């Protein structure tokens, strides 16, 4: 059982251009960090966290789903087990039937 989508994570090669694009389609910048990342929102929906990655790394998009704890369905195609994050949660990744990667975020 999940608590819903909490965040969309969007990797980019150009933080500034991506933020301007999102602002042009109606998002507002909530905050930015000192390392080319930050969060934007639009109404009551889940925020978008944008992070710049090096040119040699393919930009990915991730859907982050909140789960109440680390109990997950045994039938899930687990890519990575739950691990601590530097921002105080635990996350694992799973693959859906079409090969997309989803992030499950549990409290620490």
C-alpha atoms as a PDB file:
ATOM      1  CA  UNK A   1       0.000   0.000   0.000  1.00  0.00           C
ATOM      2  CA  UNK A   2       1.395   3.424  -0.883  1.00  0.00           C
ATOM      3  CA  UNK A   3       0.744   6.919   0.371  1.00  0.00           C
ATOM      4  CA  UNK A   4       0.851   8.266  -3.194  1.00  0.00           C
ATOM      5  CA  UNK A   5       3.312  10.014  -5.452  1.00  0.00           C
ATOM      6  CA  UNK A   6       5.373  12.490  -3.461  1.00  0.00           C
ATOM      7  CA  UNK A   7       7.864  13.791  -6.019  1.00  0.00           C
ATOM      8  CA  UNK A   8       8.925  13.577  -9.641  1.00  0.00           C
ATOM      9  CA  UNK A   9      12.706  13.690 -10.024  1.00  0.00           C
ATOM     10  CA  UNK A  10      13.971  15.052 -13.333  1.00  0.00           C
ATOM     11  CA  UNK A  11      17.646  14.910 -14.242  1.00  0.00           C
ATOM     12  CA  UNK A  12      18.918  17.423 -16.788  1.00  0.00           C
ATOM     13  CA  UNK A  13      22.104  18.549 -18.493  1.00  0.00           C
ATOM     14  CA  UNK A  14      21.103  22.220 -18.102  1.00  0.00           C
ATOM     15  CA  UNK A  15      19.525  23.281 -14.814  1.00  0.00           C
ATOM     16  CA  UNK A  16      18.774  26.847 -15.952  1.00  0.00           C
ATOM     17  CA  UNK A  17      17.059  25.925 -19.218  1.00  0.00           C
ATOM     18  CA  UNK A  18      14.979  23.200 -17.555  1.00  0.00           C
ATOM     19  CA  UNK A  19      13.800  25.528 -14.784  1.00  0.00           C
ATOM     20  CA  UNK A  20      12.838  28.202 -17.334  1.00  0.00           C
ATOM     21  CA  UNK A  21      10.916  25.597 -19.361  1.00  0.00           C
ATOM     22  CA  UNK A  22       8.989  24.426 -16.297  1.00  0.00           C
ATOM     23  CA  UNK A  23       8.244  28.024 -15.302  1.00  0.00           C
ATOM     24  CA  UNK A  24       6.894  28.702 -18.799  1.00  0.00           C
ATOM     25  CA  UNK A  25       4.423  25.833 -18.412  1.00  0.00           C
ATOM     26  CA  UNK A  26       3.215  27.108 -15.039  1.00  0.00           C
ATOM     27  CA  UNK A  27       5.579  25.822 -12.338  1.00  0.00           C
ATOM     28  CA  UNK A  28       7.022  28.058  -9.608  1.00  0.00           C
ATOM     29  CA  UNK A  29      10.472  27.650  -8.112  1.00  0.00           C
ATOM     30  CA  UNK A  30      10.129  26.621  -4.445  1.00  0.00           C
ATOM     31  CA  UNK A  31      13.850  26.500  -3.692  1.00  0.00           C
ATOM     32  CA  UNK A  32      17.206  25.865  -5.299  1.00  0.00           C
ATOM     33  CA  UNK A  33      20.435  24.482  -3.907  1.00  0.00           C
ATOM     34  CA  UNK A  34      23.984  25.649  -4.471  1.00  0.00           C
ATOM     35  CA  UNK A  35      24.685  22.630  -6.713  1.00  0.00           C
ATOM     36  CA  UNK A  36      22.281  23.063  -9.674  1.00  0.00           C
ATOM     37  CA  UNK A  37      19.234  21.393  -8.216  1.00  0.00           C
ATOM     38  CA  UNK A  38      15.960  22.488  -6.707  1.00  0.00           C
ATOM     39  CA  UNK A  39      12.232  21.976  -6.461  1.00  0.00           C
ATOM     40  CA  UNK A  40       9.357  23.444  -8.442  1.00  0.00           C
ATOM     41  CA  UNK A  41       5.622  23.078  -7.884  1.00  0.00           C
ATOM     42  CA  UNK A  42       2.341  23.764  -9.630  1.00  0.00           C
ATOM     43  CA  UNK A  43      -0.807  23.729  -7.520  1.00  0.00           C
ATOM     44  CA  UNK A  44      -1.623  20.755  -5.335  1.00  0.00           C
ATOM     45  CA  UNK A  45       0.231  18.150  -7.421  1.00  0.00           C
ATOM     46  CA  UNK A  46       3.496  16.478  -6.540  1.00  0.00           C
ATOM     47  CA  UNK A  47       6.526  18.760  -6.878  1.00  0.00           C
ATOM     48  CA  UNK A  48       9.261  18.281  -9.465  1.00  0.00           C
ATOM     49  CA  UNK A  49      12.815  18.045  -8.146  1.00  0.00           C
ATOM     50  CA  UNK A  50      15.300  18.964 -10.886  1.00  0.00           C
ATOM     51  CA  UNK A  51      18.951  18.003 -10.630  1.00  0.00           C
ATOM     52  CA  UNK A  52      21.739  18.669 -13.129  1.00  0.00           C
ATOM     53  CA  UNK A  53      23.866  15.659 -14.093  1.00  0.00           C
ATOM     54  CA  UNK A  54      27.147  15.529 -16.047  1.00  0.00           C
ATOM     55  CA  UNK A  55      27.019  15.538 -19.858  1.00  0.00           C
ATOM     56  CA  UNK A  56      28.189  11.921 -20.024  1.00  0.00           C
ATOM     57  CA  UNK A  57      25.268  10.701 -17.911  1.00  0.00           C
ATOM     58  CA  UNK A  58      21.896  10.099 -19.537  1.00  0.00           C
ATOM     59  CA  UNK A  59      19.201  12.223 -17.839  1.00  0.00           C
ATOM     60  CA  UNK A  60      16.488  10.119 -16.209  1.00  0.00           C
ATOM     61  CA  UNK A  61      13.097  10.825 -14.723  1.00  0.00           C
ATOM     62  CA  UNK A  62      11.901   9.070 -11.582  1.00  0.00           C
ATOM     63  CA  UNK A  63       8.534   8.812  -9.897  1.00  0.00           C
ATOM     64  CA  UNK A  64       8.858   8.722  -6.107  1.00  0.00           C
ATOM     65  CA  UNK A  65       6.084   6.910  -4.225  1.00  0.00           C
ATOM     66  CA  UNK A  66       5.774   7.180  -0.445  1.00  0.00           C
ATOM     67  CA  UNK A  67       5.296   3.905   1.400  1.00  0.00           C
ATOM     68  CA  UNK A  68       4.541   3.666   5.130  1.00  0.00           C
ATOM     69  CA  UNK A  69       7.345   1.194   5.820  1.00  0.00           C
ATOM     70  CA  UNK A  70       9.743  -1.203   4.122  1.00  0.00           C
ATOM     71  CA  UNK A  71       7.157  -3.977   3.713  1.00  0.00           C
ATOM     72  CA  UNK A  72       6.709  -4.471  -0.028  1.00  0.00           C
ATOM     73  CA  UNK A  73       5.027  -7.072  -2.191  1.00  0.00           C
ATOM     74  CA  UNK A  74       7.344 -10.042  -2.822  1.00  0.00           C
ATOM     75  CA  UNK A  75       6.290 -10.114  -6.492  1.00  0.00           C
ATOM     76  CA  UNK A  76       7.885  -6.720  -7.248  1.00  0.00           C
ATOM     77  CA  UNK A  77      10.889  -6.692  -9.581  1.00  0.00           C
ATOM     78  CA  UNK A  78      13.395  -5.151  -7.168  1.00  0.00           C
ATOM     79  CA  UNK A  79      16.300  -3.244  -8.737  1.00  0.00           C
ATOM     80  CA  UNK A  80      17.856  -1.969  -5.497  1.00  0.00           C
ATOM     81  CA  UNK A  81      16.965  -2.803  -1.892  1.00  0.00           C
ATOM     82  CA  UNK A  82      16.119  -0.097   0.644  1.00  0.00           C
ATOM     83  CA  UNK A  83      19.118   2.113   1.403  1.00  0.00           C
ATOM     84  CA  UNK A  84      19.587   5.203   3.559  1.00  0.00           C
ATOM     85  CA  UNK A  85      19.580   8.536   1.735  1.00  0.00           C
ATOM     86  CA  UNK A  86      21.486  11.676   2.681  1.00  0.00           C
ATOM     87  CA  UNK A  87      18.142  13.473   3.157  1.00  0.00           C
ATOM     88  CA  UNK A  88      16.792  11.262   5.950  1.00  0.00           C
ATOM     89  CA  UNK A  89      14.683   8.578   4.282  1.00  0.00           C
ATOM     90  CA  UNK A  90      15.186   5.054   2.974  1.00  0.00           C
ATOM     91  CA  UNK A  91      14.643   4.322  -0.720  1.00  0.00           C
ATOM     92  CA  UNK A  92      14.479   1.299  -2.993  1.00  0.00           C
ATOM     93  CA  UNK A  93      13.875   1.043  -6.723  1.00  0.00           C
ATOM     94  CA  UNK A  94      11.584  -1.361  -8.539  1.00  0.00           C
ATOM     95  CA  UNK A  95      10.884  -2.034 -12.223  1.00  0.00           C
ATOM     96  CA  UNK A  96       7.355  -1.981 -13.647  1.00  0.00           C
ATOM     97  CA  UNK A  97       6.158  -4.429 -16.354  1.00  0.00           C
ATOM     98  CA  UNK A  98       7.292  -2.026 -19.116  1.00  0.00           C
ATOM     99  CA  UNK A  99      10.782  -1.596 -17.676  1.00  0.00           C
ATOM    100  CA  UNK A 100      10.323   1.831 -16.060  1.00  0.00           C
ATOM    101  CA  UNK A 101      12.083   2.390 -12.731  1.00  0.00           C
ATOM    102  CA  UNK A 102      10.049   3.595  -9.747  1.00  0.00           C
ATOM    103  CA  UNK A 103      11.457   4.801  -6.426  1.00  0.00           C
ATOM    104  CA  UNK A 104       9.769   3.767  -3.180  1.00  0.00           C
ATOM    105  CA  UNK A 105      10.516   6.086  -0.231  1.00  0.00           C
ATOM    106  CA  UNK A 106       9.992   4.960   3.359  1.00  0.00           C
ATOM    107  CA  UNK A 107      10.608   6.886   6.566  1.00  0.00           C
ATOM    108  CA  UNK A 108      13.825   6.143   8.390  1.00  0.00           C
END
